[in-house]
Structures are given as structure tokens and as C-alpha cells.
């Protein structure tokens, strides 16, 4: 993975980018792989980090990158697919 890039959804449906519960630093990346158009949703501190990662991997097959509809502050956003620690004690 690239510098500080968090993969939220890999090879997903582009309609997932309309989710407003995503961080506002999330981007929908469109690229070609074996002649098939694929989409990823990923987040990073800077848009250029995401671009560099996909340019290094796909070069001319990189198609497009657009910002998602996310509205949440990235510092407050929690990945719903991550496991919660049930043994964590509150102070």
C-alpha cells in the first residue's frame, strides 16, 4: 500500500461512493485491469498520495479519481469493517 493510504472498499460498486458516512478525504478511483473497469474507494491525508499509488501500479490504465460524498471528519471516522475491542475498559 502507498504512503498513508487506507483502502476502504476494493473492487466495489461505484454507488458506494454516495455514502455520506465516509470521510471527506475519501476518493473513488477508476482504473482498468485486464480490460475490465474496476473501482476502489480509498482515503489518504493528501489526494496526491492516492494518485501516486495508482499511477505507480496502473500507469496508463488509471482512468479517473473523484471525491466521494463523504462528510465525516477523517479523525473521527471509524471503519465499520474493523473489529471493536469488547475488552476495552472505560476510565
PDB file of N, CA and C in Angstrom:
ATOM      1  N   UNK A   1       0.844  -1.168   0.000  1.00  0.00           N
ATOM      2  CA  UNK A   1       0.000   0.000   0.000  1.00  0.00           C
ATOM      3  C   UNK A   1       0.886   1.226   0.000  1.00  0.00           C
ATOM      4  N   UNK A   2       0.355   2.322  -0.501  1.00  0.00           N
ATOM      5  CA  UNK A   2       1.109   3.558  -0.613  1.00  0.00           C
ATOM      6  C   UNK A   2       1.280   4.265   0.717  1.00  0.00           C
ATOM      7  N   UNK A   3       1.800   5.437   0.646  1.00  0.00           N
ATOM      8  CA  UNK A   3       2.104   6.238   1.823  1.00  0.00           C
ATOM      9  C   UNK A   3       0.822   6.721   2.493  1.00  0.00           C
ATOM     10  N   UNK A   4       0.452   6.119   3.602  1.00  0.00           N
ATOM     11  CA  UNK A   4      -0.702   6.555   4.370  1.00  0.00           C
ATOM     12  C   UNK A   4      -2.041   6.346   3.708  1.00  0.00           C
ATOM     13  N   UNK A   5      -2.143   5.403   2.786  1.00  0.00           N
ATOM     14  CA  UNK A   5      -3.410   5.156   2.095  1.00  0.00           C
ATOM     15  C   UNK A   5      -4.190   4.084   2.835  1.00  0.00           C
ATOM     16  N   UNK A   6      -5.462   4.362   3.078  1.00  0.00           N
ATOM     17  CA  UNK A   6      -6.358   3.394   3.713  1.00  0.00           C
ATOM     18  C   UNK A   6      -7.373   2.949   2.681  1.00  0.00           C
ATOM     19  N   UNK A   7      -7.371   1.662   2.381  1.00  0.00           N
ATOM     20  CA  UNK A   7      -8.312   1.108   1.417  1.00  0.00           C
ATOM     21  C   UNK A   7      -9.633   0.850   2.144  1.00  0.00           C
ATOM     22  N   UNK A   8     -10.688   1.536   1.731  1.00  0.00           N
ATOM     23  CA  UNK A   8     -11.996   1.390   2.364  1.00  0.00           C
ATOM     24  C   UNK A   8     -12.789   0.284   1.679  1.00  0.00           C
ATOM     25  N   UNK A   9     -12.881   0.333   0.350  1.00  0.00           N
ATOM     26  CA  UNK A   9     -13.545  -0.709  -0.438  1.00  0.00           C
ATOM     27  C   UNK A   9     -12.688  -1.001  -1.654  1.00  0.00           C
ATOM     28  N   UNK A  10     -12.415  -2.258  -1.911  1.00  0.00           N
ATOM     29  CA  UNK A  10     -11.615  -2.651  -3.071  1.00  0.00           C
ATOM     30  C   UNK A  10     -12.524  -3.353  -4.070  1.00  0.00           C
ATOM     31  N   UNK A  11     -12.381  -3.001  -5.337  1.00  0.00           N
ATOM     32  CA  UNK A  11     -13.182  -3.568  -6.432  1.00  0.00           C
ATOM     33  C   UNK A  11     -14.668  -3.560  -6.071  1.00  0.00           C
ATOM     34  N   UNK A  12     -15.177  -2.381  -5.826  1.00  0.00           N
ATOM     35  CA  UNK A  12     -16.553  -2.233  -5.346  1.00  0.00           C
ATOM     36  C   UNK A  12     -17.450  -1.599  -6.402  1.00  0.00           C
ATOM     37  N   UNK A  13     -18.715  -1.490  -6.070  1.00  0.00           N
ATOM     38  CA  UNK A  13     -19.701  -0.818  -6.897  1.00  0.00           C
ATOM     39  C   UNK A  13     -19.523   0.695  -6.730  1.00  0.00           C
ATOM     40  N   UNK A  14     -19.506   1.472  -7.812  1.00  0.00           N
ATOM     41  CA  UNK A  14     -19.288   2.921  -7.677  1.00  0.00           C
ATOM     42  C   UNK A  14     -20.377   3.648  -6.897  1.00  0.00           C
ATOM     43  N   UNK A  15     -21.546   3.034  -6.744  1.00  0.00           N
ATOM     44  CA  UNK A  15     -22.614   3.688  -5.977  1.00  0.00           C
ATOM     45  C   UNK A  15     -22.274   3.784  -4.484  1.00  0.00           C
ATOM     46  N   UNK A  16     -21.297   3.007  -4.015  1.00  0.00           N
ATOM     47  CA  UNK A  16     -20.880   3.108  -2.612  1.00  0.00           C
ATOM     48  C   UNK A  16     -20.234   4.457  -2.308  1.00  0.00           C
ATOM     49  N   UNK A  17     -19.800   5.185  -3.320  1.00  0.00           N
ATOM     50  CA  UNK A  17     -19.177   6.498  -3.122  1.00  0.00           C
ATOM     51  C   UNK A  17     -20.197   7.553  -2.715  1.00  0.00           C
ATOM     52  N   UNK A  18     -21.476   7.244  -2.826  1.00  0.00           N
ATOM     53  CA  UNK A  18     -22.525   8.198  -2.452  1.00  0.00           C
ATOM     54  C   UNK A  18     -22.843   8.163  -0.962  1.00  0.00           C
ATOM     55  N   UNK A  19     -22.167   7.309  -0.222  1.00  0.00           N
ATOM     56  CA  UNK A  19     -22.376   7.171   1.220  1.00  0.00           C
ATOM     57  C   UNK A  19     -21.804   8.388   1.942  1.00  0.00           C
ATOM     58  N   UNK A  20     -22.643   9.125   2.633  1.00  0.00           N
ATOM     59  CA  UNK A  20     -22.207  10.328   3.331  1.00  0.00           C
ATOM     60  C   UNK A  20     -21.491  10.030   4.647  1.00  0.00           C
ATOM     61  N   UNK A  21     -21.475   8.785   5.076  1.00  0.00           N
ATOM     62  CA  UNK A  21     -20.783   8.437   6.319  1.00  0.00           C
ATOM     63  C   UNK A  21     -19.300   8.144   6.086  1.00  0.00           C
ATOM     64  N   UNK A  22     -18.831   8.293   4.854  1.00  0.00           N
ATOM     65  CA  UNK A  22     -17.408   8.136   4.546  1.00  0.00           C
ATOM     66  C   UNK A  22     -16.657   9.396   4.982  1.00  0.00           C
ATOM     67  N   UNK A  23     -15.338   9.304   5.181  1.00  0.00           N
ATOM     68  CA  UNK A  23     -14.575  10.514   5.487  1.00  0.00           C
ATOM     69  C   UNK A  23     -14.513  11.434   4.269  1.00  0.00           C
ATOM     70  N   UNK A  24     -14.397  12.726   4.504  1.00  0.00           N
ATOM     71  CA  UNK A  24     -14.384  13.653   3.370  1.00  0.00           C
ATOM     72  C   UNK A  24     -13.085  13.607   2.576  1.00  0.00           C
ATOM     73  N   UNK A  25     -12.112  12.842   3.031  1.00  0.00           N
ATOM     74  CA  UNK A  25     -10.866  12.660   2.285  1.00  0.00           C
ATOM     75  C   UNK A  25     -10.882  11.388   1.436  1.00  0.00           C
ATOM     76  N   UNK A  26     -12.040  10.749   1.304  1.00  0.00           N
ATOM     77  CA  UNK A  26     -12.157   9.505   0.532  1.00  0.00           C
ATOM     78  C   UNK A  26     -12.385   9.814  -0.947  1.00  0.00           C
ATOM     79  N   UNK A  27     -11.778   8.989  -1.802  1.00  0.00           N
ATOM     80  CA  UNK A  27     -11.888   9.165  -3.248  1.00  0.00           C
ATOM     81  C   UNK A  27     -12.277   7.857  -3.914  1.00  0.00           C
ATOM     82  N   UNK A  28     -13.087   7.978  -4.971  1.00  0.00           N
ATOM     83  CA  UNK A  28     -13.447   6.847  -5.815  1.00  0.00           C
ATOM     84  C   UNK A  28     -12.449   6.821  -6.970  1.00  0.00           C
ATOM     85  N   UNK A  29     -11.703   5.731  -7.078  1.00  0.00           N
ATOM     86  CA  UNK A  29     -10.671   5.609  -8.096  1.00  0.00           C
ATOM     87  C   UNK A  29     -11.134   4.604  -9.140  1.00  0.00           C
ATOM     88  N   UNK A  30     -11.075   5.021 -10.406  1.00  0.00           N
ATOM     89  CA  UNK A  30     -11.464   4.154 -11.524  1.00  0.00           C
ATOM     90  C   UNK A  30     -10.206   3.781 -12.302  1.00  0.00           C
ATOM     91  N   UNK A  31     -10.051   2.498 -12.563  1.00  0.00           N
ATOM     92  CA  UNK A  31      -8.891   2.016 -13.311  1.00  0.00           C
ATOM     93  C   UNK A  31      -9.272   0.776 -14.099  1.00  0.00           C
ATOM     94  N   UNK A  32      -8.439   0.432 -15.073  1.00  0.00           N
ATOM     95  CA  UNK A  32      -8.667  -0.749 -15.904  1.00  0.00           C
ATOM     96  C   UNK A  32      -7.702  -1.847 -15.463  1.00  0.00           C
ATOM     97  N   UNK A  33      -8.209  -3.069 -15.425  1.00  0.00           N
ATOM     98  CA  UNK A  33      -7.360  -4.222 -15.120  1.00  0.00           C
ATOM     99  C   UNK A  33      -7.832  -5.370 -16.003  1.00  0.00           C
ATOM    100  N   UNK A  34      -6.965  -5.811 -16.886  1.00  0.00           N
ATOM    101  CA  UNK A  34      -7.282  -6.872 -17.838  1.00  0.00           C
ATOM    102  C   UNK A  34      -8.501  -6.522 -18.693  1.00  0.00           C
ATOM    103  N   UNK A  35      -8.625  -5.243 -19.062  1.00  0.00           N
ATOM    104  CA  UNK A  35      -9.716  -4.797 -19.909  1.00  0.00           C
ATOM    105  C   UNK A  35     -11.034  -4.584 -19.189  1.00  0.00           C
ATOM    106  N   UNK A  36     -11.055  -4.740 -17.889  1.00  0.00           N
ATOM    107  CA  UNK A  36     -12.274  -4.572 -17.097  1.00  0.00           C
ATOM    108  C   UNK A  36     -12.122  -3.327 -16.225  1.00  0.00           C
ATOM    109  N   UNK A  37     -13.144  -2.474 -16.220  1.00  0.00           N
ATOM    110  CA  UNK A  37     -13.127  -1.281 -15.381  1.00  0.00           C
ATOM    111  C   UNK A  37     -13.420  -1.678 -13.940  1.00  0.00           C
ATOM    112  N   UNK A  38     -12.555  -1.233 -13.029  1.00  0.00           N
ATOM    113  CA  UNK A  38     -12.723  -1.537 -11.600  1.00  0.00           C
ATOM    114  C   UNK A  38     -12.706  -0.245 -10.810  1.00  0.00           C
ATOM    115  N   UNK A  39     -13.324  -0.297  -9.624  1.00  0.00           N
ATOM    116  CA  UNK A  39     -13.425   0.874  -8.761  1.00  0.00           C
ATOM    117  C   UNK A  39     -12.947   0.528  -7.360  1.00  0.00           C
ATOM    118  N   UNK A  40     -12.207   1.459  -6.749  1.00  0.00           N
ATOM    119  CA  UNK A  40     -11.790   1.358  -5.355  1.00  0.00           C
ATOM    120  C   UNK A  40     -12.186   2.644  -4.656  1.00  0.00           C
ATOM    121  N   UNK A  41     -12.464   2.537  -3.369  1.00  0.00           N
ATOM    122  CA  UNK A  41     -12.652   3.715  -2.531  1.00  0.00           C
ATOM    123  C   UNK A  41     -11.544   3.690  -1.501  1.00  0.00           C
ATOM    124  N   UNK A  42     -10.749   4.749  -1.483  1.00  0.00           N
ATOM    125  CA  UNK A  42      -9.651   4.809  -0.526  1.00  0.00           C
ATOM    126  C   UNK A  42      -9.518   6.225   0.013  1.00  0.00           C
ATOM    127  N   UNK A  43      -8.778   6.334   1.103  1.00  0.00           N
ATOM    128  CA  UNK A  43      -8.619   7.595   1.793  1.00  0.00           C
ATOM    129  C   UNK A  43      -7.147   7.812   2.118  1.00  0.00           C
ATOM    130  N   UNK A  44      -6.732   9.059   2.120  1.00  0.00           N
ATOM    131  CA  UNK A  44      -5.360   9.429   2.486  1.00  0.00           C
ATOM    132  C   UNK A  44      -5.372  10.878   2.945  1.00  0.00           C
ATOM    133  N   UNK A  45      -4.279  11.290   3.555  1.00  0.00           N
ATOM    134  CA  UNK A  45      -4.180  12.671   4.023  1.00  0.00           C
ATOM    135  C   UNK A  45      -4.159  13.640   2.848  1.00  0.00           C
ATOM    136  N   UNK A  46      -3.524  13.229   1.744  1.00  0.00           N
ATOM    137  CA  UNK A  46      -3.437  14.080   0.555  1.00  0.00           C
ATOM    138  C   UNK A  46      -3.889  13.300  -0.673  1.00  0.00           C
ATOM    139  N   UNK A  47      -4.594  13.975  -1.556  1.00  0.00           N
ATOM    140  CA  UNK A  47      -5.079  13.348  -2.790  1.00  0.00           C
ATOM    141  C   UNK A  47      -3.917  12.852  -3.640  1.00  0.00           C
ATOM    142  N   UNK A  48      -2.806  13.552  -3.626  1.00  0.00           N
ATOM    143  CA  UNK A  48      -1.660  13.182  -4.448  1.00  0.00           C
ATOM    144  C   UNK A  48      -1.067  11.833  -4.016  1.00  0.00           C
ATOM    145  N   UNK A  49      -1.203  11.466  -2.752  1.00  0.00           N
ATOM    146  CA  UNK A  49      -0.720  10.155  -2.294  1.00  0.00           C
ATOM    147  C   UNK A  49      -1.503   9.027  -2.955  1.00  0.00           C
ATOM    148  N   UNK A  50      -2.809   9.219  -3.091  1.00  0.00           N
ATOM    149  CA  UNK A  50      -3.646   8.218  -3.759  1.00  0.00           C
ATOM    150  C   UNK A  50      -3.289   8.145  -5.237  1.00  0.00           C
ATOM    151  N   UNK A  51      -3.145   9.315  -5.872  1.00  0.00           N
ATOM    152  CA  UNK A  51      -2.793   9.346  -7.279  1.00  0.00           C
ATOM    153  C   UNK A  51      -1.455   8.644  -7.530  1.00  0.00           C
ATOM    154  N   UNK A  52      -0.460   8.953  -6.719  1.00  0.00           N
ATOM    155  CA  UNK A  52       0.862   8.338  -6.886  1.00  0.00           C
ATOM    156  C   UNK A  52       0.803   6.823  -6.760  1.00  0.00           C
ATOM    157  N   UNK A  53       0.023   6.340  -5.803  1.00  0.00           N
ATOM    158  CA  UNK A  53      -0.109   4.890  -5.599  1.00  0.00           C
ATOM    159  C   UNK A  53      -0.687   4.224  -6.845  1.00  0.00           C
ATOM    160  N   UNK A  54      -1.786   4.760  -7.376  1.00  0.00           N
ATOM    161  CA  UNK A  54      -2.430   4.147  -8.538  1.00  0.00           C
ATOM    162  C   UNK A  54      -1.621   4.365  -9.811  1.00  0.00           C
ATOM    163  N   UNK A  55      -0.944   5.500  -9.931  1.00  0.00           N
ATOM    164  CA  UNK A  55      -0.116   5.727 -11.113  1.00  0.00           C
ATOM    165  C   UNK A  55       1.057   4.749 -11.130  1.00  0.00           C
ATOM    166  N   UNK A  56       1.645   4.482  -9.965  1.00  0.00           N
ATOM    167  CA  UNK A  56       2.756   3.540  -9.890  1.00  0.00           C
ATOM    168  C   UNK A  56       2.324   2.118 -10.246  1.00  0.00           C
ATOM    169  N   UNK A  57       1.087   1.753  -9.905  1.00  0.00           N
ATOM    170  CA  UNK A  57       0.623   0.393 -10.153  1.00  0.00           C
ATOM    171  C   UNK A  57      -0.031   0.192 -11.525  1.00  0.00           C
ATOM    172  N   UNK A  58      -0.730   1.210 -12.032  1.00  0.00           N
ATOM    173  CA  UNK A  58      -1.536   1.008 -13.243  1.00  0.00           C
ATOM    174  C   UNK A  58      -1.134   1.889 -14.423  1.00  0.00           C
ATOM    175  N   UNK A  59      -0.317   2.891 -14.225  1.00  0.00           N
ATOM    176  CA  UNK A  59       0.146   3.802 -15.282  1.00  0.00           C
ATOM    177  C   UNK A  59      -0.973   4.228 -16.228  1.00  0.00           C
ATOM    178  N   UNK A  60      -0.946   3.752 -17.444  1.00  0.00           N
ATOM    179  CA  UNK A  60      -1.892   4.186 -18.486  1.00  0.00           C
ATOM    180  C   UNK A  60      -3.298   3.621 -18.281  1.00  0.00           C
ATOM    181  N   UNK A  61      -3.450   2.645 -17.409  1.00  0.00           N
ATOM    182  CA  UNK A  61      -4.774   2.083 -17.148  1.00  0.00           C
ATOM    183  C   UNK A  61      -5.517   2.855 -16.058  1.00  0.00           C
ATOM    184  N   UNK A  62      -4.862   3.838 -15.463  1.00  0.00           N
ATOM    185  CA  UNK A  62      -5.523   4.719 -14.495  1.00  0.00           C
ATOM    186  C   UNK A  62      -6.478   5.612 -15.271  1.00  0.00           C
ATOM    187  N   UNK A  63      -7.770   5.637 -14.876  1.00  0.00           N
ATOM    188  CA  UNK A  63      -8.776   6.359 -15.653  1.00  0.00           C
ATOM    189  C   UNK A  63      -9.202   7.656 -14.981  1.00  0.00           C
ATOM    190  N   UNK A  64      -9.658   7.574 -13.719  1.00  0.00           N
ATOM    191  CA  UNK A  64     -10.285   8.734 -13.100  1.00  0.00           C
ATOM    192  C   UNK A  64     -10.223   8.623 -11.572  1.00  0.00           C
ATOM    193  N   UNK A  65     -10.288   9.783 -10.923  1.00  0.00           N
ATOM    194  CA  UNK A  65     -10.352   9.812  -9.468  1.00  0.00           C
ATOM    195  C   UNK A  65     -11.266  10.976  -9.068  1.00  0.00           C
ATOM    196  N   UNK A  66     -12.356  10.670  -8.358  1.00  0.00           N
ATOM    197  CA  UNK A  66     -13.301  11.698  -7.935  1.00  0.00           C
ATOM    198  C   UNK A  66     -13.552  11.581  -6.444  1.00  0.00           C
ATOM    199  N   UNK A  67     -13.841  12.699  -5.828  1.00  0.00           N
ATOM    200  CA  UNK A  67     -14.104  12.707  -4.396  1.00  0.00           C
ATOM    201  C   UNK A  67     -15.476  12.101  -4.126  1.00  0.00           C
ATOM    202  N   UNK A  68     -15.575  11.331  -3.038  1.00  0.00           N
ATOM    203  CA  UNK A  68     -16.852  10.725  -2.666  1.00  0.00           C
ATOM    204  C   UNK A  68     -17.744  11.764  -2.006  1.00  0.00           C
ATOM    205  N   UNK A  69     -18.932  11.346  -1.624  1.00  0.00           N
ATOM    206  CA  UNK A  69     -19.881  12.230  -0.952  1.00  0.00           C
ATOM    207  C   UNK A  69     -19.666  12.260   0.565  1.00  0.00           C
ATOM    208  N   UNK A  70     -18.548  11.736   1.027  1.00  0.00           N
ATOM    209  CA  UNK A  70     -18.278  11.658   2.461  1.00  0.00           C
ATOM    210  C   UNK A  70     -18.286  13.009   3.140  1.00  0.00           C
ATOM    211  N   UNK A  71     -18.814  13.043   4.371  1.00  0.00           N
ATOM    212  CA  UNK A  71     -18.944  14.288   5.127  1.00  0.00           C
ATOM    213  C   UNK A  71     -18.271  14.227   6.502  1.00  0.00           C
ATOM    214  N   UNK A  72     -17.747  13.069   6.883  1.00  0.00           N
ATOM    215  CA  UNK A  72     -17.230  12.876   8.233  1.00  0.00           C
ATOM    216  C   UNK A  72     -15.770  13.292   8.317  1.00  0.00           C
ATOM    217  N   UNK A  73     -15.419  13.914   9.423  1.00  0.00           N
ATOM    218  CA  UNK A  73     -14.028  14.272   9.681  1.00  0.00           C
ATOM    219  C   UNK A  73     -13.198  12.988   9.722  1.00  0.00           C
ATOM    220  N   UNK A  74     -12.089  12.908   8.988  1.00  0.00           N
ATOM    221  CA  UNK A  74     -11.294  11.676   8.950  1.00  0.00           C
ATOM    222  C   UNK A  74     -10.756  11.247  10.317  1.00  0.00           C
ATOM    223  N   UNK A  75     -10.535  12.204  11.212  1.00  0.00           N
ATOM    224  CA  UNK A  75     -10.048  11.856  12.545  1.00  0.00           C
ATOM    225  C   UNK A  75     -11.125  11.170  13.383  1.00  0.00           C
ATOM    226  N   UNK A  76     -12.383  11.455  13.083  1.00  0.00           N
ATOM    227  CA  UNK A  76     -13.496  10.883  13.839  1.00  0.00           C
ATOM    228  C   UNK A  76     -14.093   9.651  13.173  1.00  0.00           C
ATOM    229  N   UNK A  77     -13.750   9.406  11.911  1.00  0.00           N
ATOM    230  CA  UNK A  77     -14.328   8.293  11.172  1.00  0.00           C
ATOM    231  C   UNK A  77     -13.770   6.971  11.666  1.00  0.00           C
ATOM    232  N   UNK A  78     -14.653   6.004  11.853  1.00  0.00           N
ATOM    233  CA  UNK A  78     -14.243   4.660  12.244  1.00  0.00           C
ATOM    234  C   UNK A  78     -14.713   3.686  11.175  1.00  0.00           C
ATOM    235  N   UNK A  79     -13.803   2.831  10.740  1.00  0.00           N
ATOM    236  CA  UNK A  79     -14.098   1.850   9.706  1.00  0.00           C
ATOM    237  C   UNK A  79     -15.105   0.841  10.248  1.00  0.00           C
ATOM    238  N   UNK A  80     -16.280   0.715   9.619  1.00  0.00           N
ATOM    239  CA  UNK A  80     -17.277  -0.233  10.116  1.00  0.00           C
ATOM    240  C   UNK A  80     -16.835  -1.693   9.987  1.00  0.00           C
ATOM    241  N   UNK A  81     -15.882  -1.979   9.115  1.00  0.00           N
ATOM    242  CA  UNK A  81     -15.431  -3.358   8.959  1.00  0.00           C
ATOM    243  C   UNK A  81     -14.371  -3.742   9.986  1.00  0.00           C
ATOM    244  N   UNK A  82     -13.843  -2.757  10.728  1.00  0.00           N
ATOM    245  CA  UNK A  82     -12.845  -3.086  11.753  1.00  0.00           C
ATOM    246  C   UNK A  82     -13.546  -3.634  12.987  1.00  0.00           C
ATOM    247  N   UNK A  83     -12.847  -4.524  13.680  1.00  0.00           N
ATOM    248  CA  UNK A  83     -13.426  -5.147  14.863  1.00  0.00           C
ATOM    249  C   UNK A  83     -13.293  -4.226  16.063  1.00  0.00           C
ATOM    250  N   UNK A  84     -14.342  -4.183  16.875  1.00  0.00           N
ATOM    251  CA  UNK A  84     -14.301  -3.392  18.099  1.00  0.00           C
ATOM    252  C   UNK A  84     -13.749  -4.258  19.219  1.00  0.00           C
ATOM    253  N   UNK A  85     -12.950  -3.658  20.055  1.00  0.00           N
ATOM    254  CA  UNK A  85     -12.366  -4.370  21.185  1.00  0.00           C
ATOM    255  C   UNK A  85     -13.381  -4.381  22.328  1.00  0.00           C
ATOM    256  N   UNK A  86     -13.990  -5.520  22.577  1.00  0.00           N
ATOM    257  CA  UNK A  86     -15.013  -5.618  23.612  1.00  0.00           C
ATOM    258  C   UNK A  86     -14.415  -5.658  25.007  1.00  0.00           C
ATOM    259  N   UNK A  87     -13.120  -5.906  25.124  1.00  0.00           N
ATOM    260  CA  UNK A  87     -12.481  -5.972  26.427  1.00  0.00           C
ATOM    261  C   UNK A  87     -11.924  -4.636  26.869  1.00  0.00           C
ATOM    262  N   UNK A  88     -12.135  -3.610  26.097  1.00  0.00           N
ATOM    263  CA  UNK A  88     -11.597  -2.294  26.431  1.00  0.00           C
ATOM    264  C   UNK A  88     -12.401  -1.714  27.601  1.00  0.00           C
ATOM    265  N   UNK A  89     -11.683  -1.252  28.616  1.00  0.00           N
ATOM    266  CA  UNK A  89     -12.332  -0.704  29.798  1.00  0.00           C
ATOM    267  C   UNK A  89     -12.392   0.811  29.694  1.00  0.00           C
ATOM    268  N   UNK A  90     -13.482   1.362  30.151  1.00  0.00           N
ATOM    269  CA  UNK A  90     -13.639   2.798  30.178  1.00  0.00           C
ATOM    270  C   UNK A  90     -13.091   3.350  31.470  1.00  0.00           C
ATOM    271  N   UNK A  91     -12.531   4.528  31.400  1.00  0.00           N
ATOM    272  CA  UNK A  91     -11.987   5.163  32.606  1.00  0.00           C
ATOM    273  C   UNK A  91     -13.003   6.071  33.222  1.00  0.00           C
TER     274      UNK A  91
END
